[in-house]
Amino acid sequence: MMILRTLKRQPLHGYALAQHIKRTSNDLLEIEEGSLYPALQRLLKAELVKAAWGISSTNRRVRIYKLTAVGVKHLEREVSRFERMLEGITRVLARGES
């Protein structure tokens, strides 16, 4: 969900994607390469993202990932599910001891 949400903002290559998530979360979340690239491959296979070769700001050849229309719809559903789950968790935690 975080990968898709980040790519909704703008297309990015893997390293920039991981850095954006880390920076945005105030360094609370860090995605390791061993998790990120397999996740991107799964998203490609599911056609939630597409990739094209490009050049990074450091002049390196990189795969740039972009959210697809199918990915946008999937993200909306997942965010909605997450928000409902979070609401439920919040309600349970907010209830005092009985």
C-alpha atoms as a PDB file:
ATOM      1  CA  MET A   1       0.000   0.000   0.000  1.00  0.00           C
ATOM      2  CA  MET A   2       2.844   2.409   0.836  1.00  0.00           C
ATOM      3  CA  ILE A   3       4.590   1.642  -2.444  1.00  0.00           C
ATOM      4  CA  LEU A   4       1.432   2.238  -4.461  1.00  0.00           C
ATOM      5  CA  ARG A   5       0.616   5.443  -2.566  1.00  0.00           C
ATOM      6  CA  THR A   6       4.122   6.773  -3.122  1.00  0.00           C
ATOM      7  CA  LEU A   7       3.982   5.956  -6.831  1.00  0.00           C
ATOM      8  CA  LYS A   8       0.612   7.723  -7.078  1.00  0.00           C
ATOM      9  CA  ARG A   9       2.509  10.935  -6.275  1.00  0.00           C
ATOM     10  CA  GLN A  10       5.097  10.379  -8.990  1.00  0.00           C
ATOM     11  CA  PRO A  11       6.970   7.645 -10.854  1.00  0.00           C
ATOM     12  CA  LEU A  12      10.193   6.648  -9.078  1.00  0.00           C
ATOM     13  CA  HIS A  13      12.980   4.094  -9.252  1.00  0.00           C
ATOM     14  CA  GLY A  14      13.344   1.590  -6.417  1.00  0.00           C
ATOM     15  CA  TYR A  15      16.000   3.355  -4.356  1.00  0.00           C
ATOM     16  CA  ALA A  16      14.190   6.713  -4.574  1.00  0.00           C
ATOM     17  CA  LEU A  17      10.957   4.974  -3.600  1.00  0.00           C
ATOM     18  CA  ALA A  18      12.520   3.448  -0.489  1.00  0.00           C
ATOM     19  CA  GLN A  19      14.142   6.768   0.444  1.00  0.00           C
ATOM     20  CA  HIS A  20      10.853   8.647   0.037  1.00  0.00           C
ATOM     21  CA  ILE A  21       9.040   6.231   2.364  1.00  0.00           C
ATOM     22  CA  LYS A  22      11.845   6.454   4.908  1.00  0.00           C
ATOM     23  CA  ARG A  23      11.966  10.252   4.768  1.00  0.00           C
ATOM     24  CA  THR A  24       8.168  10.682   4.848  1.00  0.00           C
ATOM     25  CA  SER A  25       7.872   8.402   7.885  1.00  0.00           C
ATOM     26  CA  ASN A  26      10.555  10.398   9.751  1.00  0.00           C
ATOM     27  CA  ASP A  27      12.854   7.372   9.515  1.00  0.00           C
ATOM     28  CA  LEU A  28      10.348   5.088  11.278  1.00  0.00           C
ATOM     29  CA  LEU A  29       9.871   2.874   8.224  1.00  0.00           C
ATOM     30  CA  GLU A  30      12.721   1.459   6.201  1.00  0.00           C
ATOM     31  CA  ILE A  31      12.184  -0.893   3.299  1.00  0.00           C
ATOM     32  CA  GLU A  32      15.094  -3.241   2.711  1.00  0.00           C
ATOM     33  CA  GLU A  33      16.087  -4.093  -0.870  1.00  0.00           C
ATOM     34  CA  GLY A  34      15.347  -7.751  -0.159  1.00  0.00           C
ATOM     35  CA  SER A  35      11.703  -6.813   0.433  1.00  0.00           C
ATOM     36  CA  LEU A  36      11.279  -3.897  -1.960  1.00  0.00           C
ATOM     37  CA  TYR A  37      12.292  -5.452  -5.257  1.00  0.00           C
ATOM     38  CA  PRO A  38      10.293  -8.682  -4.830  1.00  0.00           C
ATOM     39  CA  ALA A  39       7.285  -6.516  -3.896  1.00  0.00           C
ATOM     40  CA  LEU A  40       7.779  -4.414  -7.034  1.00  0.00           C
ATOM     41  CA  GLN A  41       7.973  -7.599  -9.118  1.00  0.00           C
ATOM     42  CA  ARG A  42       4.675  -8.818  -7.621  1.00  0.00           C
ATOM     43  CA  LEU A  43       3.082  -5.443  -8.380  1.00  0.00           C
ATOM     44  CA  LEU A  44       4.369  -5.628 -11.967  1.00  0.00           C
ATOM     45  CA  LYS A  45       3.010  -9.139 -12.393  1.00  0.00           C
ATOM     46  CA  ALA A  46      -0.387  -8.030 -11.053  1.00  0.00           C
ATOM     47  CA  GLU A  47      -0.254  -5.058 -13.477  1.00  0.00           C
ATOM     48  CA  LEU A  48      -0.671  -2.592 -10.620  1.00  0.00           C
ATOM     49  CA  VAL A  49       2.510  -0.824 -11.726  1.00  0.00           C
ATOM     50  CA  LYS A  50       4.488  -0.657 -14.937  1.00  0.00           C
ATOM     51  CA  ALA A  51       8.186  -0.051 -15.383  1.00  0.00           C
ATOM     52  CA  ALA A  52      10.381   1.587 -17.973  1.00  0.00           C
ATOM     53  CA  TRP A  53      14.114   2.109 -18.126  1.00  0.00           C
ATOM     54  CA  GLY A  54      15.363   5.599 -17.409  1.00  0.00           C
ATOM     55  CA  ILE A  55      18.309   7.543 -16.052  1.00  0.00           C
ATOM     56  CA  SER A  56      18.585   8.543 -12.389  1.00  0.00           C
ATOM     57  CA  SER A  57      19.756  11.914 -11.078  1.00  0.00           C
ATOM     58  CA  THR A  58      23.178  10.288 -10.599  1.00  0.00           C
ATOM     59  CA  ASN A  59      23.232   9.311 -14.278  1.00  0.00           C
ATOM     60  CA  ARG A  60      22.647   5.596 -13.648  1.00  0.00           C
ATOM     61  CA  ARG A  61      20.339   3.343 -15.632  1.00  0.00           C
ATOM     62  CA  VAL A  62      17.316   2.515 -13.450  1.00  0.00           C
ATOM     63  CA  ARG A  63      13.850   1.024 -13.749  1.00  0.00           C
ATOM     64  CA  ILE A  64      11.266   3.693 -13.091  1.00  0.00           C
ATOM     65  CA  TYR A  65       7.957   2.424 -11.704  1.00  0.00           C
ATOM     66  CA  LYS A  66       4.626   4.070 -12.405  1.00  0.00           C
ATOM     67  CA  LEU A  67       1.170   3.321 -11.021  1.00  0.00           C
ATOM     68  CA  THR A  68      -1.348   1.975 -13.538  1.00  0.00           C
ATOM     69  CA  ALA A  69      -5.098   2.708 -13.643  1.00  0.00           C
ATOM     70  CA  VAL A  70      -5.676  -0.772 -12.199  1.00  0.00           C
ATOM     71  CA  GLY A  71      -3.173   0.092  -9.459  1.00  0.00           C
ATOM     72  CA  VAL A  72      -5.049   3.301  -8.602  1.00  0.00           C
ATOM     73  CA  LYS A  73      -8.308   1.369  -8.123  1.00  0.00           C
ATOM     74  CA  HIS A  74      -6.536  -1.320  -6.102  1.00  0.00           C
ATOM     75  CA  LEU A  75      -4.929   1.338  -3.890  1.00  0.00           C
ATOM     76  CA  GLU A  76      -8.294   2.983  -3.223  1.00  0.00           C
ATOM     77  CA  ARG A  77      -9.797  -0.352  -2.142  1.00  0.00           C
ATOM     78  CA  GLU A  78      -6.826  -1.202   0.073  1.00  0.00           C
ATOM     79  CA  VAL A  79      -6.796   2.224   1.750  1.00  0.00           C
ATOM     80  CA  SER A  80     -10.523   1.909   2.435  1.00  0.00           C
ATOM     81  CA  ARG A  81     -10.028  -1.547   3.976  1.00  0.00           C
ATOM     82  CA  PHE A  82      -7.106  -0.300   6.041  1.00  0.00           C
ATOM     83  CA  GLU A  83      -9.077   2.701   7.315  1.00  0.00           C
ATOM     84  CA  ARG A  84     -11.966   0.430   8.394  1.00  0.00           C
ATOM     85  CA  MET A  85      -9.538  -1.923  10.142  1.00  0.00           C
ATOM     86  CA  LEU A  86      -7.791   1.005  11.844  1.00  0.00           C
ATOM     87  CA  GLU A  87     -11.152   2.340  13.005  1.00  0.00           C
ATOM     88  CA  GLY A  88     -11.946  -1.038  14.550  1.00  0.00           C
ATOM     89  CA  ILE A  89      -8.578  -1.245  16.267  1.00  0.00           C
ATOM     90  CA  THR A  90      -8.952   2.314  17.552  1.00  0.00           C
ATOM     91  CA  ARG A  91     -12.384   1.512  18.988  1.00  0.00           C
ATOM     92  CA  VAL A  92     -11.094  -1.582  20.766  1.00  0.00           C
ATOM     93  CA  LEU A  93      -8.089   0.237  22.208  1.00  0.00           C
ATOM     94  CA  ALA A  94     -10.174   3.266  23.229  1.00  0.00           C
ATOM     95  CA  ARG A  95     -12.538   1.210  25.376  1.00  0.00           C
ATOM     96  CA  GLY A  96     -11.510   1.251  28.996  1.00  0.00           C
ATOM     97  CA  GLU A  97     -11.040  -1.913  30.981  1.00  0.00           C
ATOM     98  CA  SER A  98     -14.393  -3.466  31.823  1.00  0.00           C
END
